[in-house]
Amino acid sequence: MNNSFILNHETPNIIKKLDEATFELLFKSNFKSLCWFAVKYVKDLDTAKEIVQDAFISLWEKKESIDLSKPVKSYLSTMIYNRSLNYLRDNKKFNKDILSFENISPDATYHQTDKLIETEISNKINSAIEELPEKCREIFKLSRYEHLKYQQIADKLQISVKTVEAQMSKALQHMRIKLVDYITIMIIFYSLFKNK
């Protein structure tokens, strides 16, 4: 059995068919690239390895009950993303030292997963913006999307600068509340992924 069979997008229910030999091959062929994927978030190699190992254990334990609508690799990367996010939520201190990646090779196939995560973050932001009251939303968009200064917004909408300031304060408070679980992952995503 080769890797293309394990990761083939035409076999979405492959988890139900996993035996020990197939699982071992899946682990060996994807462990390093999955560690690379996780370490981008947690910024610690040992933690990334633990997260990936736990994901594989969970995969094996649930192999009889999970009915996938996507390939195994996508399922694993989703699990690892969620576990990485949980780690970031629970730990407020991060290792800022430059990590050594000589034993890990990036896998280009994860670029698609990165894009999915970026899309998810964007959707969360847009959803939070749309929940704002109409005038507050308009002011927020003029500031953040059109990059207008408060005085320019006030002139455009024929309102006072203090009104703009008050509405922006309200909008930012709303966004912080709605995106509290995503703030850390957004910072790391844009600082690491966008500069690679």
C-alpha atoms as a PDB file:
ATOM      1  CA  MET A   1       0.000   0.000   0.000  1.00  0.00           C
ATOM      2  CA  ASN A   2       1.412   3.424  -0.904  1.00  0.00           C
ATOM      3  CA  ASN A   3       0.915   6.897   0.496  1.00  0.00           C
ATOM      4  CA  SER A   4      -1.373   7.933  -2.335  1.00  0.00           C
ATOM      5  CA  PHE A   5      -3.898   5.366  -1.180  1.00  0.00           C
ATOM      6  CA  ILE A   6      -3.853   6.616   2.382  1.00  0.00           C
ATOM      7  CA  LEU A   7      -4.166  10.270   1.439  1.00  0.00           C
ATOM      8  CA  ASN A   8      -6.318   9.851  -1.649  1.00  0.00           C
ATOM      9  CA  HIS A   9      -9.182  12.360  -1.700  1.00  0.00           C
ATOM     10  CA  GLU A  10     -11.356   9.692  -3.310  1.00  0.00           C
ATOM     11  CA  THR A  11     -11.321   7.564  -0.155  1.00  0.00           C
ATOM     12  CA  PRO A  12     -13.022   9.823   2.427  1.00  0.00           C
ATOM     13  CA  ASN A  13     -13.995   6.937   4.735  1.00  0.00           C
ATOM     14  CA  ILE A  14     -10.487   5.525   4.972  1.00  0.00           C
ATOM     15  CA  ILE A  15     -10.456   5.779   8.778  1.00  0.00           C
ATOM     16  CA  LYS A  16     -13.022   2.988   8.983  1.00  0.00           C
ATOM     17  CA  LYS A  17     -10.596   0.772   7.076  1.00  0.00           C
ATOM     18  CA  LEU A  18      -7.429   1.515   9.051  1.00  0.00           C
ATOM     19  CA  ASP A  19      -5.507  -1.489  10.285  1.00  0.00           C
ATOM     20  CA  GLU A  20      -2.255  -1.392  12.237  1.00  0.00           C
ATOM     21  CA  ALA A  21      -0.021  -1.558   9.166  1.00  0.00           C
ATOM     22  CA  THR A  22      -1.872   1.238   7.378  1.00  0.00           C
ATOM     23  CA  PHE A  23      -1.932   3.363  10.514  1.00  0.00           C
ATOM     24  CA  GLU A  24       1.811   2.916  11.001  1.00  0.00           C
ATOM     25  CA  LEU A  25       2.491   3.977   7.423  1.00  0.00           C
ATOM     26  CA  LEU A  26       0.194   6.973   7.802  1.00  0.00           C
ATOM     27  CA  PHE A  27       2.048   7.996  10.951  1.00  0.00           C
ATOM     28  CA  LYS A  28       5.536   7.604   9.495  1.00  0.00           C
ATOM     29  CA  SER A  29       4.736   9.406   6.254  1.00  0.00           C
ATOM     30  CA  ASN A  30       3.025  12.405   7.850  1.00  0.00           C
ATOM     31  CA  PHE A  31       4.456  12.903  11.343  1.00  0.00           C
ATOM     32  CA  LYS A  32       7.163  15.418  10.409  1.00  0.00           C
ATOM     33  CA  SER A  33       4.983  17.571   8.175  1.00  0.00           C
ATOM     34  CA  LEU A  34       2.221  17.602  10.795  1.00  0.00           C
ATOM     35  CA  CYS A  35       4.755  18.678  13.425  1.00  0.00           C
ATOM     36  CA  TRP A  36       5.781  21.521  11.126  1.00  0.00           C
ATOM     37  CA  PHE A  37       2.128  22.475  10.834  1.00  0.00           C
ATOM     38  CA  ALA A  38       1.609  22.471  14.630  1.00  0.00           C
ATOM     39  CA  VAL A  39       4.837  24.257  15.526  1.00  0.00           C
ATOM     40  CA  LYS A  40       3.779  27.287  13.482  1.00  0.00           C
ATOM     41  CA  TYR A  41       1.088  27.840  16.096  1.00  0.00           C
ATOM     42  CA  VAL A  42       2.536  26.672  19.407  1.00  0.00           C
ATOM     43  CA  LYS A  43       6.089  27.816  18.581  1.00  0.00           C
ATOM     44  CA  ASP A  44       7.578  24.944  20.558  1.00  0.00           C
ATOM     45  CA  LEU A  45       8.815  21.738  18.953  1.00  0.00           C
ATOM     46  CA  ASP A  46       8.231  19.393  21.899  1.00  0.00           C
ATOM     47  CA  THR A  47       4.695  20.690  22.388  1.00  0.00           C
ATOM     48  CA  ALA A  48       4.013  20.295  18.676  1.00  0.00           C
ATOM     49  CA  LYS A  49       5.176  16.678  18.779  1.00  0.00           C
ATOM     50  CA  GLU A  50       2.892  15.943  21.737  1.00  0.00           C
ATOM     51  CA  ILE A  51      -0.066  17.507  19.963  1.00  0.00           C
ATOM     52  CA  VAL A  52       0.544  15.464  16.813  1.00  0.00           C
ATOM     53  CA  GLN A  53       1.019  12.244  18.775  1.00  0.00           C
ATOM     54  CA  ASP A  54      -2.209  12.867  20.684  1.00  0.00           C
ATOM     55  CA  ALA A  55      -4.027  13.488  17.409  1.00  0.00           C
ATOM     56  CA  PHE A  56      -2.861  10.159  16.013  1.00  0.00           C
ATOM     57  CA  ILE A  57      -3.888   8.376  19.215  1.00  0.00           C
ATOM     58  CA  SER A  58      -7.330   9.960  18.985  1.00  0.00           C
ATOM     59  CA  LEU A  59      -7.540   8.959  15.326  1.00  0.00           C
ATOM     60  CA  TRP A  60      -6.806   5.336  16.182  1.00  0.00           C
ATOM     61  CA  GLU A  61      -9.204   5.256  19.128  1.00  0.00           C
ATOM     62  CA  LYS A  62     -12.055   6.675  17.052  1.00  0.00           C
ATOM     63  CA  LYS A  63     -11.345   4.853  13.804  1.00  0.00           C
ATOM     64  CA  GLU A  64     -14.460   2.691  14.096  1.00  0.00           C
ATOM     65  CA  SER A  65     -16.895   5.494  14.866  1.00  0.00           C
ATOM     66  CA  ILE A  66     -15.778   8.453  12.753  1.00  0.00           C
ATOM     67  CA  ASP A  67     -17.390   8.823   9.350  1.00  0.00           C
ATOM     68  CA  LEU A  68     -15.285  11.301   7.396  1.00  0.00           C
ATOM     69  CA  SER A  69     -16.389  13.483   4.541  1.00  0.00           C
ATOM     70  CA  LYS A  70     -12.811  14.502   3.839  1.00  0.00           C
ATOM     71  CA  PRO A  71      -9.422  12.758   3.530  1.00  0.00           C
ATOM     72  CA  VAL A  72      -7.476  11.503   6.523  1.00  0.00           C
ATOM     73  CA  LYS A  73      -4.800  14.173   6.179  1.00  0.00           C
ATOM     74  CA  SER A  74      -7.364  16.973   6.284  1.00  0.00           C
ATOM     75  CA  TYR A  75      -8.993  15.357   9.306  1.00  0.00           C
ATOM     76  CA  LEU A  76      -5.644  15.141  11.098  1.00  0.00           C
ATOM     77  CA  SER A  77      -4.683  18.726  10.298  1.00  0.00           C
ATOM     78  CA  THR A  78      -8.056  19.929  11.606  1.00  0.00           C
ATOM     79  CA  MET A  79      -7.570  17.996  14.845  1.00  0.00           C
ATOM     80  CA  ILE A  80      -4.071  19.388  15.243  1.00  0.00           C
ATOM     81  CA  TYR A  81      -5.243  22.931  14.550  1.00  0.00           C
ATOM     82  CA  ASN A  82      -7.948  22.617  17.218  1.00  0.00           C
ATOM     83  CA  ARG A  83      -5.541  21.113  19.745  1.00  0.00           C
ATOM     84  CA  SER A  84      -3.008  23.844  19.027  1.00  0.00           C
ATOM     85  CA  LEU A  85      -5.687  26.466  19.572  1.00  0.00           C
ATOM     86  CA  ASN A  86      -6.614  24.846  22.888  1.00  0.00           C
ATOM     87  CA  TYR A  87      -2.974  24.949  23.923  1.00  0.00           C
ATOM     88  CA  LEU A  88      -2.752  28.642  23.060  1.00  0.00           C
ATOM     89  CA  ARG A  89      -5.891  29.353  25.042  1.00  0.00           C
ATOM     90  CA  ASP A  90      -4.524  27.616  28.120  1.00  0.00           C
ATOM     91  CA  ASN A  91      -1.012  29.066  28.019  1.00  0.00           C
ATOM     92  CA  LYS A  92      -0.392  32.782  28.168  1.00  0.00           C
ATOM     93  CA  LYS A  93       3.383  32.577  27.883  1.00  0.00           C
ATOM     94  CA  PHE A  94       5.066  31.548  24.651  1.00  0.00           C
ATOM     95  CA  ASN A  95       8.629  30.675  23.764  1.00  0.00           C
ATOM     96  CA  LYS A  96       9.868  33.555  21.599  1.00  0.00           C
ATOM     97  CA  ASP A  97      13.254  31.991  20.905  1.00  0.00           C
ATOM     98  CA  ILE A  98      14.044  31.108  17.334  1.00  0.00           C
ATOM     99  CA  LEU A  99      13.360  27.401  16.921  1.00  0.00           C
ATOM    100  CA  SER A 100      15.604  24.959  15.097  1.00  0.00           C
ATOM    101  CA  PHE A 101      13.774  23.235  12.253  1.00  0.00           C
ATOM    102  CA  GLU A 102      16.617  21.199  10.781  1.00  0.00           C
ATOM    103  CA  ASN A 103      14.844  17.925  11.556  1.00  0.00           C
ATOM    104  CA  ILE A 104      11.496  19.017  10.149  1.00  0.00           C
ATOM    105  CA  SER A 105      10.684  19.671   6.509  1.00  0.00           C
ATOM    106  CA  PRO A 106       7.718  21.846   5.555  1.00  0.00           C
ATOM    107  CA  ASP A 107       5.071  20.135   3.470  1.00  0.00           C
ATOM    108  CA  ALA A 108       3.660  22.249   0.651  1.00  0.00           C
ATOM    109  CA  THR A 109       0.401  20.299   0.763  1.00  0.00           C
ATOM    110  CA  TYR A 110      -0.495  22.154   3.956  1.00  0.00           C
ATOM    111  CA  HIS A 111      -0.767  25.465   2.133  1.00  0.00           C
ATOM    112  CA  GLN A 112      -4.377  24.573   1.353  1.00  0.00           C
ATOM    113  CA  THR A 113      -5.066  23.959   5.044  1.00  0.00           C
ATOM    114  CA  ASP A 114      -3.431  27.284   5.896  1.00  0.00           C
ATOM    115  CA  LYS A 115      -5.808  28.939   3.446  1.00  0.00           C
ATOM    116  CA  LEU A 116      -8.806  27.254   5.076  1.00  0.00           C
ATOM    117  CA  ILE A 117      -7.723  28.537   8.478  1.00  0.00           C
ATOM    118  CA  GLU A 118      -7.246  32.043   7.089  1.00  0.00           C
ATOM    119  CA  THR A 119     -10.736  31.847   5.589  1.00  0.00           C
ATOM    120  CA  GLU A 120     -12.199  30.711   8.911  1.00  0.00           C
ATOM    121  CA  ILE A 121     -10.592  33.631  10.737  1.00  0.00           C
ATOM    122  CA  SER A 122     -11.826  36.044   8.074  1.00  0.00           C
ATOM    123  CA  ASN A 123     -15.352  34.647   8.356  1.00  0.00           C
ATOM    124  CA  LYS A 124     -15.302  35.096  12.142  1.00  0.00           C
ATOM    125  CA  ILE A 125     -14.198  38.710  11.769  1.00  0.00           C
ATOM    126  CA  ASN A 126     -16.834  39.476   9.121  1.00  0.00           C
ATOM    127  CA  SER A 127     -19.533  37.833  11.213  1.00  0.00           C
ATOM    128  CA  ALA A 128     -18.581  39.929  14.243  1.00  0.00           C
ATOM    129  CA  ILE A 129     -18.619  43.099  12.146  1.00  0.00           C
ATOM    130  CA  GLU A 130     -22.073  42.342  10.750  1.00  0.00           C
ATOM    131  CA  GLU A 131     -23.430  42.037  14.302  1.00  0.00           C
ATOM    132  CA  LEU A 132     -22.597  45.680  14.995  1.00  0.00           C
ATOM    133  CA  PRO A 133     -25.404  48.269  14.894  1.00  0.00           C
ATOM    134  CA  GLU A 134     -25.709  49.858  11.459  1.00  0.00           C
ATOM    135  CA  LYS A 135     -24.066  53.221  12.205  1.00  0.00           C
ATOM    136  CA  CYS A 136     -21.375  51.623  14.339  1.00  0.00           C
ATOM    137  CA  ARG A 137     -20.645  49.107  11.575  1.00  0.00           C
ATOM    138  CA  GLU A 138     -20.426  51.840   8.951  1.00  0.00           C
ATOM    139  CA  ILE A 139     -17.941  53.835  11.017  1.00  0.00           C
ATOM    140  CA  PHE A 140     -15.861  50.757  11.768  1.00  0.00           C
ATOM    141  CA  LYS A 141     -15.633  49.821   8.090  1.00  0.00           C
ATOM    142  CA  LEU A 142     -14.684  53.352   7.070  1.00  0.00           C
ATOM    143  CA  SER A 143     -11.894  53.289   9.620  1.00  0.00           C
ATOM    144  CA  ARG A 144     -10.574  49.780   9.096  1.00  0.00           C
ATOM    145  CA  TYR A 145     -11.310  49.100   5.427  1.00  0.00           C
ATOM    146  CA  GLU A 146     -11.073  52.543   3.852  1.00  0.00           C
ATOM    147  CA  HIS A 147      -8.435  53.738   6.347  1.00  0.00           C
ATOM    148  CA  LEU A 148     -10.146  57.065   6.952  1.00  0.00           C
ATOM    149  CA  LYS A 149      -9.123  59.167   9.936  1.00  0.00           C
ATOM    150  CA  TYR A 150     -11.720  60.022  12.547  1.00  0.00           C
ATOM    151  CA  GLN A 151     -12.027  63.592  11.278  1.00  0.00           C
ATOM    152  CA  GLN A 152     -12.550  62.327   7.722  1.00  0.00           C
ATOM    153  CA  ILE A 153     -15.251  59.927   8.907  1.00  0.00           C
ATOM    154  CA  ALA A 154     -16.933  62.712  10.856  1.00  0.00           C
ATOM    155  CA  ASP A 155     -16.922  64.972   7.792  1.00  0.00           C
ATOM    156  CA  LYS A 156     -18.187  62.217   5.516  1.00  0.00           C
ATOM    157  CA  LEU A 157     -21.078  61.245   7.805  1.00  0.00           C
ATOM    158  CA  GLN A 158     -21.695  64.784   9.093  1.00  0.00           C
ATOM    159  CA  ILE A 159     -21.263  63.811  12.720  1.00  0.00           C
ATOM    160  CA  SER A 160     -18.865  64.911  15.445  1.00  0.00           C
ATOM    161  CA  VAL A 161     -15.433  63.401  15.971  1.00  0.00           C
ATOM    162  CA  LYS A 162     -16.471  62.461  19.510  1.00  0.00           C
ATOM    163  CA  THR A 163     -19.344  60.430  18.072  1.00  0.00           C
ATOM    164  CA  VAL A 164     -16.907  58.620  15.809  1.00  0.00           C
ATOM    165  CA  GLU A 165     -14.606  57.934  18.754  1.00  0.00           C
ATOM    166  CA  ALA A 166     -17.480  56.612  20.857  1.00  0.00           C
ATOM    167  CA  GLN A 167     -18.744  54.344  18.079  1.00  0.00           C
ATOM    168  CA  MET A 168     -15.249  53.017  17.367  1.00  0.00           C
ATOM    169  CA  SER A 169     -14.723  52.277  21.046  1.00  0.00           C
ATOM    170  CA  LYS A 170     -18.012  50.389  21.076  1.00  0.00           C
ATOM    171  CA  ALA A 171     -17.069  48.482  17.925  1.00  0.00           C
ATOM    172  CA  LEU A 172     -13.622  47.491  19.193  1.00  0.00           C
ATOM    173  CA  GLN A 173     -15.034  46.303  22.499  1.00  0.00           C
ATOM    174  CA  HIS A 174     -17.556  44.162  20.620  1.00  0.00           C
ATOM    175  CA  MET A 175     -14.840  42.716  18.382  1.00  0.00           C
ATOM    176  CA  ARG A 176     -12.620  41.835  21.336  1.00  0.00           C
ATOM    177  CA  ILE A 177     -15.473  39.976  23.008  1.00  0.00           C
ATOM    178  CA  LYS A 178     -16.515  38.108  19.862  1.00  0.00           C
ATOM    179  CA  LEU A 179     -12.970  37.189  18.839  1.00  0.00           C
ATOM    180  CA  VAL A 180     -11.458  36.504  22.256  1.00  0.00           C
ATOM    181  CA  ASP A 181     -10.799  32.843  21.380  1.00  0.00           C
ATOM    182  CA  TYR A 182      -9.132  33.813  18.109  1.00  0.00           C
ATOM    183  CA  ILE A 183      -6.908  36.740  19.104  1.00  0.00           C
ATOM    184  CA  THR A 184      -3.797  34.688  19.858  1.00  0.00           C
ATOM    185  CA  ILE A 185      -4.114  32.419  16.853  1.00  0.00           C
ATOM    186  CA  MET A 186      -4.703  35.454  14.611  1.00  0.00           C
ATOM    187  CA  ILE A 187      -1.522  37.121  15.854  1.00  0.00           C
ATOM    188  CA  ILE A 188       0.583  34.002  15.324  1.00  0.00           C
ATOM    189  CA  PHE A 189      -1.066  33.176  12.006  1.00  0.00           C
ATOM    190  CA  TYR A 190      -0.365  36.565  10.481  1.00  0.00           C
ATOM    191  CA  SER A 191       3.117  36.925  12.009  1.00  0.00           C
ATOM    192  CA  LEU A 192       4.311  33.510  10.871  1.00  0.00           C
ATOM    193  CA  PHE A 193       2.284  32.501   7.823  1.00  0.00           C
ATOM    194  CA  LYS A 194       2.327  35.851   6.088  1.00  0.00           C
ATOM    195  CA  ASN A 195       6.076  36.227   6.364  1.00  0.00           C
ATOM    196  CA  LYS A 196       7.173  32.782   5.299  1.00  0.00           C
END
